[in-house]
C-alpha atoms as a PDB file:
ATOM      1  CA  MET A   1     220.170-157.666  98.252  1.00  0.00           C
ATOM      2  CA  LYS A   2     218.567-160.561 100.152  1.00  0.00           C
ATOM      3  CA  TRP A   3     215.450-160.365  97.991  1.00  0.00           C
ATOM      4  CA  LEU A   4     217.572-160.797  94.852  1.00  0.00           C
ATOM      5  CA  LEU A   5     219.132-163.941  96.291  1.00  0.00           C
ATOM      6  CA  ARG A   6     215.689-165.267  97.236  1.00  0.00           C
ATOM      7  CA  VAL A   7     214.341-164.580  93.741  1.00  0.00           C
ATOM      8  CA  PHE A   8     217.326-166.386  92.231  1.00  0.00           C
ATOM      9  CA  ILE A   9     216.816-169.391  94.549  1.00  0.00           C
ATOM     10  CA  VAL A  10     213.093-169.570  93.721  1.00  0.00           C
ATOM     11  CA  ILE A  11     213.818-169.440  89.977  1.00  0.00           C
ATOM     12  CA  ALA A  12     216.526-172.111  90.325  1.00  0.00           C
ATOM     13  CA  VAL A  13     214.184-174.409  92.283  1.00  0.00           C
ATOM     14  CA  LEU A  14     211.379-173.925  89.727  1.00  0.00           C
ATOM     15  CA  TYR A  15     213.779-174.646  86.853  1.00  0.00           C
ATOM     16  CA  ALA A  16     215.129-177.777  88.563  1.00  0.00           C
ATOM     17  CA  THR A  17     211.577-178.970  89.257  1.00  0.00           C
ATOM     18  CA  LEU A  18     210.537-178.403  85.629  1.00  0.00           C
ATOM     19  CA  PHE A  19     213.679-180.198  84.440  1.00  0.00           C
ATOM     20  CA  ALA A  20     212.983-183.208  86.680  1.00  0.00           C
ATOM     21  CA  VAL A  21     209.289-183.436  85.759  1.00  0.00           C
ATOM     22  CA  VAL A  22     210.006-183.280  82.021  1.00  0.00           C
ATOM     23  CA  ALA A  23     212.886-185.775  82.326  1.00  0.00           C
ATOM     24  CA  VAL A  24     210.638-188.282  84.105  1.00  0.00           C
ATOM     25  CA  ALA A  25     207.878-187.722  81.523  1.00  0.00           C
ATOM     26  CA  MET A  26     210.329-188.363  78.663  1.00  0.00           C
ATOM     27  CA  MET A  27     211.163-191.777  80.131  1.00  0.00           C
ATOM     28  CA  GLN A  28     207.507-192.852  80.008  1.00  0.00           C
ATOM     29  CA  PRO A  29     206.035-194.740  77.050  1.00  0.00           C
ATOM     30  CA  PRO A  30     205.329-192.464  74.067  1.00  0.00           C
ATOM     31  CA  VAL A  31     201.560-192.419  74.685  1.00  0.00           C
ATOM     32  CA  ARG A  32     202.005-191.159  78.256  1.00  0.00           C
ATOM     33  CA  PHE A  33     204.613-188.615  77.149  1.00  0.00           C
ATOM     34  CA  GLY A  34     202.165-187.380  74.510  1.00  0.00           C
ATOM     35  CA  GLN A  35     199.477-186.944  77.152  1.00  0.00           C
ATOM     36  CA  PHE A  36     201.943-184.967  79.251  1.00  0.00           C
ATOM     37  CA  MET A  37     202.969-182.752  76.324  1.00  0.00           C
ATOM     38  CA  LYS A  38     199.317-181.975  75.512  1.00  0.00           C
ATOM     39  CA  ARG A  39     199.200-180.058  78.783  1.00  0.00           C
ATOM     40  CA  MET A  40     202.621-178.389  78.593  1.00  0.00           C
ATOM     41  CA  PRO A  41     203.426-175.342  76.471  1.00  0.00           C
ATOM     42  CA  PRO A  42     205.966-176.581  73.871  1.00  0.00           C
ATOM     43  CA  ALA A  43     207.873-173.290  74.058  1.00  0.00           C
ATOM     44  CA  LEU A  44     208.435-173.909  77.768  1.00  0.00           C
ATOM     45  CA  VAL A  45     209.777-177.438  77.269  1.00  0.00           C
ATOM     46  CA  TRP A  46     211.673-177.070  73.993  1.00  0.00           C
ATOM     47  CA  GLY A  47     212.700-173.447  74.462  1.00  0.00           C
ATOM     48  CA  LEU A  48     213.655-173.179  78.127  1.00  0.00           C
ATOM     49  CA  LEU A  49     215.133-176.648  78.737  1.00  0.00           C
ATOM     50  CA  PRO A  50     217.855-178.574  76.884  1.00  0.00           C
ATOM     51  CA  ALA A  51     214.986-180.832  75.752  1.00  0.00           C
ATOM     52  CA  GLN A  52     216.652-182.292  72.667  1.00  0.00           C
ATOM     53  CA  SER A  53     219.575-183.735  74.599  1.00  0.00           C
ATOM     54  CA  MET A  54     217.194-184.823  77.392  1.00  0.00           C
ATOM     55  CA  TRP A  55     215.063-186.652  74.809  1.00  0.00           C
ATOM     56  CA  LEU A  56     218.064-188.379  73.228  1.00  0.00           C
ATOM     57  CA  ARG A  57     219.265-189.602  76.637  1.00  0.00           C
ATOM     58  CA  ALA A  58     215.797-190.764  77.671  1.00  0.00           C
ATOM     59  CA  ARG A  59     215.330-192.746  74.427  1.00  0.00           C
ATOM     60  CA  ALA A  60     218.908-193.981  73.949  1.00  0.00           C
ATOM     61  CA  GLY A  61     218.060-197.639  74.546  1.00  0.00           C
ATOM     62  CA  THR A  62     220.399-200.423  75.552  1.00  0.00           C
ATOM     63  CA  LEU A  63     220.813-202.459  72.360  1.00  0.00           C
ATOM     64  CA  ALA A  64     224.286-202.892  70.945  1.00  0.00           C
ATOM     65  CA  VAL A  65     225.166-203.566  67.333  1.00  0.00           C
ATOM     66  CA  GLY A  66     224.565-207.227  66.549  1.00  0.00           C
ATOM     67  CA  GLN A  67     222.060-207.876  69.335  1.00  0.00           C
ATOM     68  CA  GLU A  68     218.626-209.250  68.523  1.00  0.00           C
ATOM     69  CA  ALA A  69     215.794-206.752  68.643  1.00  0.00           C
ATOM     70  CA  PRO A  70     213.353-207.360  71.495  1.00  0.00           C
ATOM     71  CA  ASP A  71     210.073-208.990  70.557  1.00  0.00           C
ATOM     72  CA  PHE A  72     207.050-206.740  70.131  1.00  0.00           C
ATOM     73  CA  THR A  73     203.489-206.889  68.860  1.00  0.00           C
ATOM     74  CA  LEU A  74     201.831-204.115  66.855  1.00  0.00           C
ATOM     75  CA  PRO A  75     198.264-203.812  65.537  1.00  0.00           C
ATOM     76  CA  ARG A  76     197.848-204.128  61.777  1.00  0.00           C
ATOM     77  CA  TYR A  77     197.160-200.988  59.783  1.00  0.00           C
ATOM     78  CA  LYS A  78     193.524-201.793  59.038  1.00  0.00           C
ATOM     79  CA  GLY A  79     192.854-203.111  62.540  1.00  0.00           C
ATOM     80  CA  ASN A  80     192.395-206.821  61.731  1.00  0.00           C
ATOM     81  CA  GLY A  81     194.858-208.682  63.943  1.00  0.00           C
ATOM     82  CA  ALA A  82     198.404-207.957  65.005  1.00  0.00           C
ATOM     83  CA  VAL A  83     201.960-208.512  63.811  1.00  0.00           C
ATOM     84  CA  THR A  84     204.625-209.979  66.115  1.00  0.00           C
ATOM     85  CA  LEU A  85     208.331-209.685  65.361  1.00  0.00           C
ATOM     86  CA  SER A  86     209.077-213.192  66.646  1.00  0.00           C
ATOM     87  CA  ALA A  87     206.756-214.639  63.968  1.00  0.00           C
ATOM     88  CA  HIS A  88     209.182-213.365  61.298  1.00  0.00           C
ATOM     89  CA  ARG A  89     212.473-214.124  63.059  1.00  0.00           C
ATOM     90  CA  GLY A  90     214.650-216.351  60.922  1.00  0.00           C
ATOM     91  CA  VAL A  91     212.097-216.398  58.083  1.00  0.00           C
ATOM     92  CA  ARG A  92     212.687-213.129  56.277  1.00  0.00           C
ATOM     93  CA  PRO A  93     214.249-209.714  56.869  1.00  0.00           C
ATOM     94  CA  VAL A  94     212.057-207.190  58.651  1.00  0.00           C
ATOM     95  CA  VAL A  95     212.198-203.456  57.966  1.00  0.00           C
ATOM     96  CA  LEU A  96     210.381-201.036  60.269  1.00  0.00           C
ATOM     97  CA  VAL A  97     209.359-197.646  58.940  1.00  0.00           C
ATOM     98  CA  PHE A  98     208.001-195.022  61.310  1.00  0.00           C
ATOM     99  CA  GLY A  99     206.748-191.692  60.079  1.00  0.00           C
ATOM    100  CA  SER A 100     203.961-189.697  58.599  1.00  0.00           C
ATOM    101  CA  TYR A 101     203.047-189.471  54.959  1.00  0.00           C
ATOM    102  CA  THR A 102     200.794-186.445  55.286  1.00  0.00           C
END
């Protein structure tokens, strides 16, 4: 009976370690999280852990309705220069679209 308890404790410790490692990785910038996920089996992360709710908590953000968006700079599509949100503030509305068209 002791061996069963030990097996259960080992599995619980491994699960808690996996949970903590993935949770910390989800709080990293998207590029670093992508590098982490390249090395992790997706079935392990998305199948064994409550990854969807972990992801939503990690990416919840702190903005409230009515607050100004933080300033950011992104490279232009064709690579010539960059676009900064603050350059458009108060001039015209800005709409951000993220996704894939493939």
